[in-house]
mmCIF file of all heavy atoms, coordinates in Angstrom:
data_MODEL
# 
_entry.id   MODEL 
# 
loop_
_atom_site.group_PDB 
_atom_site.id 
_atom_site.type_symbol 
_atom_site.label_atom_id 
_atom_site.label_alt_id 
_atom_site.label_comp_id 
_atom_site.label_asym_id 
_atom_site.label_entity_id 
_atom_site.label_seq_id 
_atom_site.pdbx_PDB_ins_code 
_atom_site.Cartn_x 
_atom_site.Cartn_y 
_atom_site.Cartn_z 
_atom_site.occupancy 
_atom_site.B_iso_or_equiv 
_atom_site.pdbx_formal_charge 
_atom_site.auth_seq_id 
_atom_site.auth_comp_id 
_atom_site.auth_asym_id 
_atom_site.auth_atom_id 
_atom_site.pdbx_PDB_model_num 
ATOM 1   N N   . MET A 1 1  ? -36.636 -78.590 97.574  1.00 0.00 ? 1  MET A N   1 
ATOM 2   C CA  . MET A 1 1  ? -35.532 -77.633 97.566  1.00 0.00 ? 1  MET A CA  1 
ATOM 3   C C   . MET A 1 1  ? -36.045 -76.195 97.613  1.00 0.00 ? 1  MET A C   1 
ATOM 4   O O   . MET A 1 1  ? -35.389 -75.318 98.172  1.00 0.00 ? 1  MET A O   1 
ATOM 5   C CB  . MET A 1 1  ? -34.666 -77.840 96.323  1.00 0.00 ? 1  MET A CB  1 
ATOM 6   C CG  . MET A 1 1  ? -33.951 -79.183 96.280  1.00 0.00 ? 1  MET A CG  1 
ATOM 7   S SD  . MET A 1 1  ? -32.922 -79.518 97.738  1.00 0.00 ? 1  MET A SD  1 
ATOM 8   C CE  . MET A 1 1  ? -33.969 -80.663 98.666  1.00 0.00 ? 1  MET A CE  1 
ATOM 9   N N   . ALA A 1 2  ? -37.212 -75.927 97.039  1.00 0.00 ? 2  ALA A N   1 
ATOM 10  C CA  . ALA A 1 2  ? -37.797 -74.589 97.139  1.00 0.00 ? 2  ALA A CA  1 
ATOM 11  C C   . ALA A 1 2  ? -38.149 -74.265 98.589  1.00 0.00 ? 2  ALA A C   1 
ATOM 12  O O   . ALA A 1 2  ? -37.919 -73.139 99.055  1.00 0.00 ? 2  ALA A O   1 
ATOM 13  C CB  . ALA A 1 2  ? -39.037 -74.500 96.248  1.00 0.00 ? 2  ALA A CB  1 
ATOM 14  N N   . ILE A 1 3  ? -38.699 -75.222 99.305  1.00 0.00 ? 3  ILE A N   1 
ATOM 15  C CA  . ILE A 1 3  ? -38.989 -75.008 100.735 1.00 0.00 ? 3  ILE A CA  1 
ATOM 16  C C   . ILE A 1 3  ? -37.698 -74.751 101.504 1.00 0.00 ? 3  ILE A C   1 
ATOM 17  O O   . ILE A 1 3  ? -37.641 -73.876 102.385 1.00 0.00 ? 3  ILE A O   1 
ATOM 18  C CB  . ILE A 1 3  ? -39.742 -76.223 101.312 1.00 0.00 ? 3  ILE A CB  1 
ATOM 19  C CG1 . ILE A 1 3  ? -41.080 -76.408 100.602 1.00 0.00 ? 3  ILE A CG1 1 
ATOM 20  C CG2 . ILE A 1 3  ? -39.954 -76.062 102.814 1.00 0.00 ? 3  ILE A CG2 1 
ATOM 21  C CD1 . ILE A 1 3  ? -41.820 -77.663 101.020 1.00 0.00 ? 3  ILE A CD1 1 
ATOM 22  N N   . LEU A 1 4  ? -36.647 -75.481 101.181 1.00 0.00 ? 4  LEU A N   1 
ATOM 23  C CA  . LEU A 1 4  ? -35.366 -75.298 101.858 1.00 0.00 ? 4  LEU A CA  1 
ATOM 24  C C   . LEU A 1 4  ? -34.791 -73.909 101.602 1.00 0.00 ? 4  LEU A C   1 
ATOM 25  O O   . LEU A 1 4  ? -34.290 -73.242 102.522 1.00 0.00 ? 4  LEU A O   1 
ATOM 26  C CB  . LEU A 1 4  ? -34.389 -76.380 101.401 1.00 0.00 ? 4  LEU A CB  1 
ATOM 27  C CG  . LEU A 1 4  ? -32.995 -76.370 102.034 1.00 0.00 ? 4  LEU A CG  1 
ATOM 28  C CD1 . LEU A 1 4  ? -33.097 -76.492 103.533 1.00 0.00 ? 4  LEU A CD1 1 
ATOM 29  C CD2 . LEU A 1 4  ? -32.148 -77.494 101.460 1.00 0.00 ? 4  LEU A CD2 1 
ATOM 30  N N   . VAL A 1 5  ? -34.866 -73.436 100.354 1.00 0.00 ? 5  VAL A N   1 
ATOM 31  C CA  . VAL A 1 5  ? -34.358 -72.102 100.032 1.00 0.00 ? 5  VAL A CA  1 
ATOM 32  C C   . VAL A 1 5  ? -35.159 -71.027 100.763 1.00 0.00 ? 5  VAL A C   1 
ATOM 33  O O   . VAL A 1 5  ? -34.596 -70.064 101.304 1.00 0.00 ? 5  VAL A O   1 
ATOM 34  C CB  . VAL A 1 5  ? -34.389 -71.881 98.505  1.00 0.00 ? 5  VAL A CB  1 
ATOM 35  C CG1 . VAL A 1 5  ? -34.068 -70.428 98.170  1.00 0.00 ? 5  VAL A CG1 1 
ATOM 36  C CG2 . VAL A 1 5  ? -33.394 -72.801 97.825  1.00 0.00 ? 5  VAL A CG2 1 
ATOM 37  N N   . ILE A 1 6  ? -36.475 -71.166 100.795 1.00 0.00 ? 6  ILE A N   1 
ATOM 38  C CA  . ILE A 1 6  ? -37.319 -70.181 101.474 1.00 0.00 ? 6  ILE A CA  1 
ATOM 39  C C   . ILE A 1 6  ? -37.009 -70.128 102.961 1.00 0.00 ? 6  ILE A C   1 
ATOM 40  O O   . ILE A 1 6  ? -37.044 -69.060 103.576 1.00 0.00 ? 6  ILE A O   1 
ATOM 41  C CB  . ILE A 1 6  ? -38.804 -70.508 101.225 1.00 0.00 ? 6  ILE A CB  1 
ATOM 42  C CG1 . ILE A 1 6  ? -39.143 -70.291 99.752  1.00 0.00 ? 6  ILE A CG1 1 
ATOM 43  C CG2 . ILE A 1 6  ? -39.713 -69.661 102.099 1.00 0.00 ? 6  ILE A CG2 1 
ATOM 44  C CD1 . ILE A 1 6  ? -40.534 -70.746 99.372  1.00 0.00 ? 6  ILE A CD1 1 
ATOM 45  N N   . SER A 1 7  ? -36.677 -71.255 103.553 1.00 0.00 ? 7  SER A N   1 
ATOM 46  C CA  . SER A 1 7  ? -36.374 -71.274 104.987 1.00 0.00 ? 7  SER A CA  1 
ATOM 47  C C   . SER A 1 7  ? -35.022 -70.652 105.316 1.00 0.00 ? 7  SER A C   1 
ATOM 48  O O   . SER A 1 7  ? -34.791 -70.239 106.455 1.00 0.00 ? 7  SER A O   1 
ATOM 49  C CB  . SER A 1 7  ? -36.407 -72.716 105.508 1.00 0.00 ? 7  SER A CB  1 
ATOM 50  O OG  . SER A 1 7  ? -35.356 -73.484 104.929 1.00 0.00 ? 7  SER A OG  1 
ATOM 51  N N   . VAL A 1 8  ? -34.120 -70.569 104.331 1.00 0.00 ? 8  VAL A N   1 
ATOM 52  C CA  . VAL A 1 8  ? -32.770 -70.041 104.576 1.00 0.00 ? 8  VAL A CA  1 
ATOM 53  C C   . VAL A 1 8  ? -32.657 -68.561 104.212 1.00 0.00 ? 8  VAL A C   1 
ATOM 54  O O   . VAL A 1 8  ? -31.901 -67.812 104.839 1.00 0.00 ? 8  VAL A O   1 
ATOM 55  C CB  . VAL A 1 8  ? -31.732 -70.877 103.788 1.00 0.00 ? 8  VAL A CB  1 
ATOM 56  C CG1 . VAL A 1 8  ? -30.342 -70.254 103.885 1.00 0.00 ? 8  VAL A CG1 1 
ATOM 57  C CG2 . VAL A 1 8  ? -31.699 -72.295 104.301 1.00 0.00 ? 8  VAL A CG2 1 
ATOM 58  N N   . LEU A 1 9  ? -33.411 -68.098 103.230 1.00 0.00 ? 9  LEU A N   1 
ATOM 59  C CA  . LEU A 1 9  ? -33.248 -66.747 102.709 1.00 0.00 ? 9  LEU A CA  1 
ATOM 60  C C   . LEU A 1 9  ? -33.427 -65.636 103.752 1.00 0.00 ? 9  LEU A C   1 
ATOM 61  O O   . LEU A 1 9  ? -32.658 -64.666 103.739 1.00 0.00 ? 9  LEU A O   1 
ATOM 62  C CB  . LEU A 1 9  ? -34.202 -66.523 101.532 1.00 0.00 ? 9  LEU A CB  1 
ATOM 63  C CG  . LEU A 1 9  ? -33.796 -67.168 100.206 1.00 0.00 ? 9  LEU A CG  1 
ATOM 64  C CD1 . LEU A 1 9  ? -34.814 -66.831 99.125  1.00 0.00 ? 9  LEU A CD1 1 
ATOM 65  C CD2 . LEU A 1 9  ? -32.407 -66.728 99.792  1.00 0.00 ? 9  LEU A CD2 1 
ATOM 66  N N   . PRO A 1 10 ? -34.420 -65.680 104.642 1.00 0.00 ? 10 PRO A N   1 
ATOM 67  C CA  . PRO A 1 10 ? -34.556 -64.567 105.601 1.00 0.00 ? 10 PRO A CA  1 
ATOM 68  C C   . PRO A 1 10 ? -33.316 -64.315 106.446 1.00 0.00 ? 10 PRO A C   1 
ATOM 69  O O   . PRO A 1 10 ? -32.925 -63.159 106.657 1.00 0.00 ? 10 PRO A O   1 
ATOM 70  C CB  . PRO A 1 10 ? -35.748 -65.002 106.468 1.00 0.00 ? 10 PRO A CB  1 
ATOM 71  C CG  . PRO A 1 10 ? -36.549 -65.887 105.590 1.00 0.00 ? 10 PRO A CG  1 
ATOM 72  C CD  . PRO A 1 10 ? -35.552 -66.637 104.762 1.00 0.00 ? 10 PRO A CD  1 
ATOM 73  N N   . ILE A 1 11 ? -32.661 -65.359 106.917 1.00 0.00 ? 11 ILE A N   1 
ATOM 74  C CA  . ILE A 1 11 ? -31.453 -65.186 107.721 1.00 0.00 ? 11 ILE A CA  1 
ATOM 75  C C   . ILE A 1 11 ? -30.314 -64.648 106.861 1.00 0.00 ? 11 ILE A C   1 
ATOM 76  O O   . ILE A 1 11 ? -29.517 -63.809 107.305 1.00 0.00 ? 11 ILE A O   1 
ATOM 77  C CB  . ILE A 1 11 ? -31.057 -66.516 108.384 1.00 0.00 ? 11 ILE A CB  1 
ATOM 78  C CG1 . ILE A 1 11 ? -32.212 -67.042 109.244 1.00 0.00 ? 11 ILE A CG1 1 
ATOM 79  C CG2 . ILE A 1 11 ? -29.811 -66.340 109.237 1.00 0.00 ? 11 ILE A CG2 1 
ATOM 80  C CD1 . ILE A 1 11 ? -32.642 -66.087 110.335 1.00 0.00 ? 11 ILE A CD1 1 
ATOM 81  N N   . LEU A 1 12 ? -30.230 -65.102 105.600 1.00 0.00 ? 12 LEU A N   1 
ATOM 82  C CA  . LEU A 1 12 ? -29.179 -64.600 104.717 1.00 0.00 ? 12 LEU A CA  1 
ATOM 83  C C   . LEU A 1 12 ? -29.367 -63.122 104.399 1.00 0.00 ? 12 LEU A C   1 
ATOM 84  O O   . LEU A 1 12 ? -28.388 -62.395 104.191 1.00 0.00 ? 12 LEU A O   1 
ATOM 85  C CB  . LEU A 1 12 ? -29.162 -65.402 103.420 1.00 0.00 ? 12 LEU A CB  1 
ATOM 86  C CG  . LEU A 1 12 ? -28.709 -66.860 103.515 1.00 0.00 ? 12 LEU A CG  1 
ATOM 87  C CD1 . LEU A 1 12 ? -28.724 -67.508 102.145 1.00 0.00 ? 12 LEU A CD1 1 
ATOM 88  C CD2 . LEU A 1 12 ? -27.320 -66.967 104.132 1.00 0.00 ? 12 LEU A CD2 1 
ATOM 89  N N   . PHE A 1 13 ? -30.599 -62.654 104.360 1.00 0.00 ? 13 PHE A N   1 
ATOM 90  C CA  . PHE A 1 13 ? -30.850 -61.244 104.079 1.00 0.00 ? 13 PHE A CA  1 
ATOM 91  C C   . PHE A 1 13 ? -30.575 -60.369 105.300 1.00 0.00 ? 13 PHE A C   1 
ATOM 92  O O   . PHE A 1 13 ? -30.133 -59.230 105.178 1.00 0.00 ? 13 PHE A O   1 
ATOM 93  C CB  . PHE A 1 13 ? -32.292 -61.047 103.616 1.00 0.00 ? 13 PHE A CB  1 
ATOM 94  C CG  . PHE A 1 13 ? -32.521 -61.479 102.201 1.00 0.00 ? 13 PHE A CG  1 
ATOM 95  C CD1 . PHE A 1 13 ? -33.713 -62.073 101.823 1.00 0.00 ? 13 PHE A CD1 1 
ATOM 96  C CD2 . PHE A 1 13 ? -31.544 -61.303 101.235 1.00 0.00 ? 13 PHE A CD2 1 
ATOM 97  C CE1 . PHE A 1 13 ? -33.926 -62.478 100.517 1.00 0.00 ? 13 PHE A CE1 1 
ATOM 98  C CE2 . PHE A 1 13 ? -31.745 -61.704 99.927  1.00 0.00 ? 13 PHE A CE2 1 
ATOM 99  C CZ  . PHE A 1 13 ? -32.938 -62.292 99.570  1.00 0.00 ? 13 PHE A CZ  1 
ATOM 100 N N   . ILE A 1 14 ? -30.841 -60.883 106.490 1.00 0.00 ? 14 ILE A N   1 
ATOM 101 C CA  . ILE A 1 14 ? -30.688 -60.078 107.705 1.00 0.00 ? 14 ILE A CA  1 
ATOM 102 C C   . ILE A 1 14 ? -29.236 -60.043 108.161 1.00 0.00 ? 14 ILE A C   1 
ATOM 103 O O   . ILE A 1 14 ? -28.742 -59.012 108.624 1.00 0.00 ? 14 ILE A O   1 
ATOM 104 C CB  . ILE A 1 14 ? -31.592 -60.628 108.822 1.00 0.00 ? 14 ILE A CB  1 
ATOM 105 C CG1 . ILE A 1 14 ? -33.068 -60.455 108.430 1.00 0.00 ? 14 ILE A CG1 1 
ATOM 106 C CG2 . ILE A 1 14 ? -31.321 -59.931 110.144 1.00 0.00 ? 14 ILE A CG2 1 
ATOM 107 C CD1 . ILE A 1 14 ? -34.018 -61.077 109.410 1.00 0.00 ? 14 ILE A CD1 1 
ATOM 108 N N   . TYR A 1 15 ? -28.515 -61.142 108.009 1.00 0.00 ? 15 TYR A N   1 
ATOM 109 C CA  . TYR A 1 15 ? -27.167 -61.248 108.576 1.00 0.00 ? 15 TYR A CA  1 
ATOM 110 C C   . TYR A 1 15 ? -26.203 -60.171 108.091 1.00 0.00 ? 15 TYR A C   1 
ATOM 111 O O   . TYR A 1 15 ? -25.448 -59.615 108.898 1.00 0.00 ? 15 TYR A O   1 
ATOM 112 C CB  . TYR A 1 15 ? -26.604 -62.636 108.294 1.00 0.00 ? 15 TYR A CB  1 
ATOM 113 C CG  . TYR A 1 15 ? -25.203 -62.840 108.820 1.00 0.00 ? 15 TYR A CG  1 
ATOM 114 C CD1 . TYR A 1 15 ? -24.985 -63.102 110.165 1.00 0.00 ? 15 TYR A CD1 1 
ATOM 115 C CD2 . TYR A 1 15 ? -24.101 -62.756 107.979 1.00 0.00 ? 15 TYR A CD2 1 
ATOM 116 C CE1 . TYR A 1 15 ? -23.704 -63.288 110.654 1.00 0.00 ? 15 TYR A CE1 1 
ATOM 117 C CE2 . TYR A 1 15 ? -22.822 -62.925 108.457 1.00 0.00 ? 15 TYR A CE2 1 
ATOM 118 C CZ  . TYR A 1 15 ? -22.631 -63.192 109.785 1.00 0.00 ? 15 TYR A CZ  1 
ATOM 119 O OH  . TYR A 1 15 ? -21.366 -63.362 110.265 1.00 0.00 ? 15 TYR A OH  1 
ATOM 120 N N   . PRO A 1 16 ? -26.152 -59.817 106.772 1.00 0.00 ? 16 PRO A N   1 
ATOM 121 C CA  . PRO A 1 16 ? -25.174 -58.793 106.347 1.00 0.00 ? 16 PRO A CA  1 
ATOM 122 C C   . PRO A 1 16 ? -25.356 -57.442 107.026 1.00 0.00 ? 16 PRO A C   1 
ATOM 123 O O   . PRO A 1 16 ? -24.380 -56.703 107.204 1.00 0.00 ? 16 PRO A O   1 
ATOM 124 C CB  . PRO A 1 16 ? -25.417 -58.689 104.830 1.00 0.00 ? 16 PRO A CB  1 
ATOM 125 C CG  . PRO A 1 16 ? -25.995 -59.990 104.447 1.00 0.00 ? 16 PRO A CG  1 
ATOM 126 C CD  . PRO A 1 16 ? -26.837 -60.404 105.608 1.00 0.00 ? 16 PRO A CD  1 
ATOM 127 N N   . PHE A 1 17 ? -26.588 -57.088 107.420 1.00 0.00 ? 17 PHE A N   1 
ATOM 128 C CA  . PHE A 1 17 ? -26.807 -55.800 108.060 1.00 0.00 ? 17 PHE A CA  1 
ATOM 129 C C   . PHE A 1 17 ? -26.389 -55.813 109.533 1.00 0.00 ? 17 PHE A C   1 
ATOM 130 O O   . PHE A 1 17 ? -26.167 -54.759 110.124 1.00 0.00 ? 17 PHE A O   1 
ATOM 131 C CB  . PHE A 1 17 ? -28.289 -55.418 107.959 1.00 0.00 ? 17 PHE A CB  1 
ATOM 132 C CG  . PHE A 1 17 ? -28.774 -55.266 106.549 1.00 0.00 ? 17 PHE A CG  1 
ATOM 133 C CD1 . PHE A 1 17 ? -29.465 -56.290 105.926 1.00 0.00 ? 17 PHE A CD1 1 
ATOM 134 C CD2 . PHE A 1 17 ? -28.512 -54.114 105.832 1.00 0.00 ? 17 PHE A CD2 1 
ATOM 135 C CE1 . PHE A 1 17 ? -29.917 -56.163 104.620 1.00 0.00 ? 17 PHE A CE1 1 
ATOM 136 C CE2 . PHE A 1 17 ? -28.949 -53.974 104.520 1.00 0.00 ? 17 PHE A CE2 1 
ATOM 137 C CZ  . PHE A 1 17 ? -29.651 -55.001 103.920 1.00 0.00 ? 17 PHE A CZ  1 
ATOM 138 N N   . ILE A 1 18 ? -26.282 -56.998 110.132 1.00 0.00 ? 18 ILE A N   1 
ATOM 139 C CA  . ILE A 1 18 ? -25.922 -57.103 111.546 1.00 0.00 ? 18 ILE A CA  1 
ATOM 140 C C   . ILE A 1 18 ? -24.470 -57.490 111.724 1.00 0.00 ? 18 ILE A C   1 
ATOM 141 O O   . ILE A 1 18 ? -23.895 -57.372 112.794 1.00 0.00 ? 18 ILE A O   1 
ATOM 142 C CB  . ILE A 1 18 ? -26.835 -58.139 112.251 1.00 0.00 ? 18 ILE A CB  1 
ATOM 143 C CG1 . ILE A 1 18 ? -28.302 -57.852 111.938 1.00 0.00 ? 18 ILE A CG1 1 
ATOM 144 C CG2 . ILE A 1 18 ? -26.642 -58.112 113.755 1.00 0.00 ? 18 ILE A CG2 1 
ATOM 145 C CD1 . ILE A 1 18 ? -28.807 -56.536 112.474 1.00 0.00 ? 18 ILE A CD1 1 
ATOM 146 N N   . GLN A 1 19 ? -23.806 -57.937 110.642 1.00 0.00 ? 19 GLN A N   1 
ATOM 147 C CA  . GLN A 1 19 ? -22.461 -58.485 110.758 1.00 0.00 ? 19 GLN A CA  1 
ATOM 148 C C   . GLN A 1 19 ? -21.468 -57.476 111.329 1.00 0.00 ? 19 GLN A C   1 
ATOM 149 O O   . GLN A 1 19 ? -20.579 -57.842 112.103 1.00 0.00 ? 19 GLN A O   1 
ATOM 150 C CB  . GLN A 1 19 ? -21.998 -58.962 109.386 1.00 0.00 ? 19 GLN A CB  1 
ATOM 151 C CG  . GLN A 1 19 ? -20.615 -59.606 109.397 1.00 0.00 ? 19 GLN A CG  1 
ATOM 152 C CD  . GLN A 1 19 ? -20.160 -59.986 108.004 1.00 0.00 ? 19 GLN A CD  1 
ATOM 153 O OE1 . GLN A 1 19 ? -20.804 -59.614 107.025 1.00 0.00 ? 19 GLN A OE1 1 
ATOM 154 N NE2 . GLN A 1 19 ? -19.058 -60.708 107.908 1.00 0.00 ? 19 GLN A NE2 1 
ATOM 155 N N   . LYS A 1 20 ? -21.604 -56.205 110.968 1.00 0.00 ? 20 LYS A N   1 
ATOM 156 C CA  . LYS A 1 20 ? -20.641 -55.201 111.416 1.00 0.00 ? 20 LYS A CA  1 
ATOM 157 C C   . LYS A 1 20 ? -20.673 -55.004 112.922 1.00 0.00 ? 20 LYS A C   1 
ATOM 158 O O   . LYS A 1 20 ? -19.727 -54.479 113.508 1.00 0.00 ? 20 LYS A O   1 
ATOM 159 C CB  . LYS A 1 20 ? -20.910 -53.877 110.719 1.00 0.00 ? 20 LYS A CB  1 
ATOM 160 C CG  . LYS A 1 20 ? -22.292 -53.301 111.007 1.00 0.00 ? 20 LYS A CG  1 
ATOM 161 C CD  . LYS A 1 20 ? -22.524 -51.994 110.265 1.00 0.00 ? 20 LYS A CD  1 
ATOM 162 C CE  . LYS A 1 20 ? -23.909 -51.427 110.552 1.00 0.00 ? 20 LYS A CE  1 
ATOM 163 N NZ  . LYS A 1 20 ? -24.134 -50.150 109.831 1.00 0.00 ? 20 LYS A NZ  1 
ATOM 164 N N   . HIS A 1 21 ? -21.759 -55.403 113.584 1.00 0.00 ? 21 HIS A N   1 
ATOM 165 C CA  . HIS A 1 21 ? -21.877 -55.234 115.027 1.00 0.00 ? 21 HIS A CA  1 
ATOM 166 C C   . HIS A 1 21 ? -21.366 -56.437 115.810 1.00 0.00 ? 21 HIS A C   1 
ATOM 167 O O   . HIS A 1 21 ? -21.335 -56.388 117.033 1.00 0.00 ? 21 HIS A O   1 
ATOM 168 C CB  . HIS A 1 21 ? -23.329 -54.982 115.416 1.00 0.00 ? 21 HIS A CB  1 
ATOM 169 C CG  . HIS A 1 21 ? -23.914 -53.738 114.817 1.00 0.00 ? 21 HIS A CG  1 
ATOM 170 N ND1 . HIS A 1 21 ? -23.400 -52.481 115.072 1.00 0.00 ? 21 HIS A ND1 1 
ATOM 171 C CD2 . HIS A 1 21 ? -24.961 -53.548 113.981 1.00 0.00 ? 21 HIS A CD2 1 
ATOM 172 C CE1 . HIS A 1 21 ? -24.108 -51.572 114.421 1.00 0.00 ? 21 HIS A CE1 1 
ATOM 173 N NE2 . HIS A 1 21 ? -25.059 -52.195 113.751 1.00 0.00 ? 21 HIS A NE2 1 
ATOM 174 N N   . PHE A 1 22 ? -21.001 -57.537 115.139 1.00 0.00 ? 22 PHE A N   1 
ATOM 175 C CA  . PHE A 1 22 ? -20.666 -58.757 115.859 1.00 0.00 ? 22 PHE A CA  1 
ATOM 176 C C   . PHE A 1 22 ? -19.443 -58.583 116.754 1.00 0.00 ? 22 PHE A C   1 
ATOM 177 O O   . PHE A 1 22 ? -19.469 -58.942 117.932 1.00 0.00 ? 22 PHE A O   1 
ATOM 178 C CB  . PHE A 1 22 ? -20.436 -59.903 114.873 1.00 0.00 ? 22 PHE A CB  1 
ATOM 179 C CG  . PHE A 1 22 ? -21.630 -60.779 114.711 1.00 0.00 ? 22 PHE A CG  1 
ATOM 180 C CD1 . PHE A 1 22 ? -22.705 -60.350 113.954 1.00 0.00 ? 22 PHE A CD1 1 
ATOM 181 C CD2 . PHE A 1 22 ? -21.700 -62.010 115.313 1.00 0.00 ? 22 PHE A CD2 1 
ATOM 182 C CE1 . PHE A 1 22 ? -23.811 -61.148 113.796 1.00 0.00 ? 22 PHE A CE1 1 
ATOM 183 C CE2 . PHE A 1 22 ? -22.805 -62.809 115.163 1.00 0.00 ? 22 PHE A CE2 1 
ATOM 184 C CZ  . PHE A 1 22 ? -23.866 -62.384 114.401 1.00 0.00 ? 22 PHE A CZ  1 
ATOM 185 N N   . ALA A 1 23 ? -18.350 -58.076 116.190 1.00 0.00 ? 23 ALA A N   1 
ATOM 186 C CA  . ALA A 1 23 ? -17.117 -57.975 116.976 1.00 0.00 ? 23 ALA A CA  1 
ATOM 187 C C   . ALA A 1 23 ? -17.301 -57.063 118.179 1.00 0.00 ? 23 ALA A C   1 
ATOM 188 O O   . ALA A 1 23 ? -16.947 -57.410 119.310 1.00 0.00 ? 23 ALA A O   1 
ATOM 189 C CB  . ALA A 1 23 ? -15.976 -57.472 116.091 1.00 0.00 ? 23 ALA A CB  1 
ATOM 190 N N   . LYS A 1 24 ? -17.897 -55.893 117.960 1.00 0.00 ? 24 LYS A N   1 
ATOM 191 C CA  . LYS A 1 24 ? -18.080 -54.950 119.056 1.00 0.00 ? 24 LYS A CA  1 
ATOM 192 C C   . LYS A 1 24 ? -19.113 -55.442 120.056 1.00 0.00 ? 24 LYS A C   1 
ATOM 193 O O   . LYS A 1 24 ? -18.935 -55.350 121.263 1.00 0.00 ? 24 LYS A O   1 
ATOM 194 C CB  . LYS A 1 24 ? -18.492 -53.589 118.502 1.00 0.00 ? 24 LYS A CB  1 
ATOM 195 C CG  . LYS A 1 24 ? -18.634 -52.512 119.572 1.00 0.00 ? 24 LYS A CG  1 
ATOM 196 C CD  . LYS A 1 24 ? -19.012 -51.173 118.953 1.00 0.00 ? 24 LYS A CD  1 
ATOM 197 C CE  . LYS A 1 24 ? -19.174 -50.114 120.042 1.00 0.00 ? 24 LYS A CE  1 
ATOM 198 N NZ  . LYS A 1 24 ? -19.584 -48.815 119.466 1.00 0.00 ? 24 LYS A NZ  1 
ATOM 199 N N   . GLY A 1 25 ? -20.195 -56.004 119.566 1.00 0.00 ? 25 GLY A N   1 
ATOM 200 C CA  . GLY A 1 25 ? -21.267 -56.419 120.446 1.00 0.00 ? 25 GLY A CA  1 
ATOM 201 C C   . GLY A 1 25 ? -20.876 -57.557 121.356 1.00 0.00 ? 25 GLY A C   1 
ATOM 202 O O   . GLY A 1 25 ? -21.296 -57.612 122.520 1.00 0.00 ? 25 GLY A O   1 
# 
């Protein structure tokens, strides 16, 4: 489960900063 969390965290950290551009982009 630690390996699974480590594999998911980078995308979870990056996505909120890019989310505002989704509709326009």
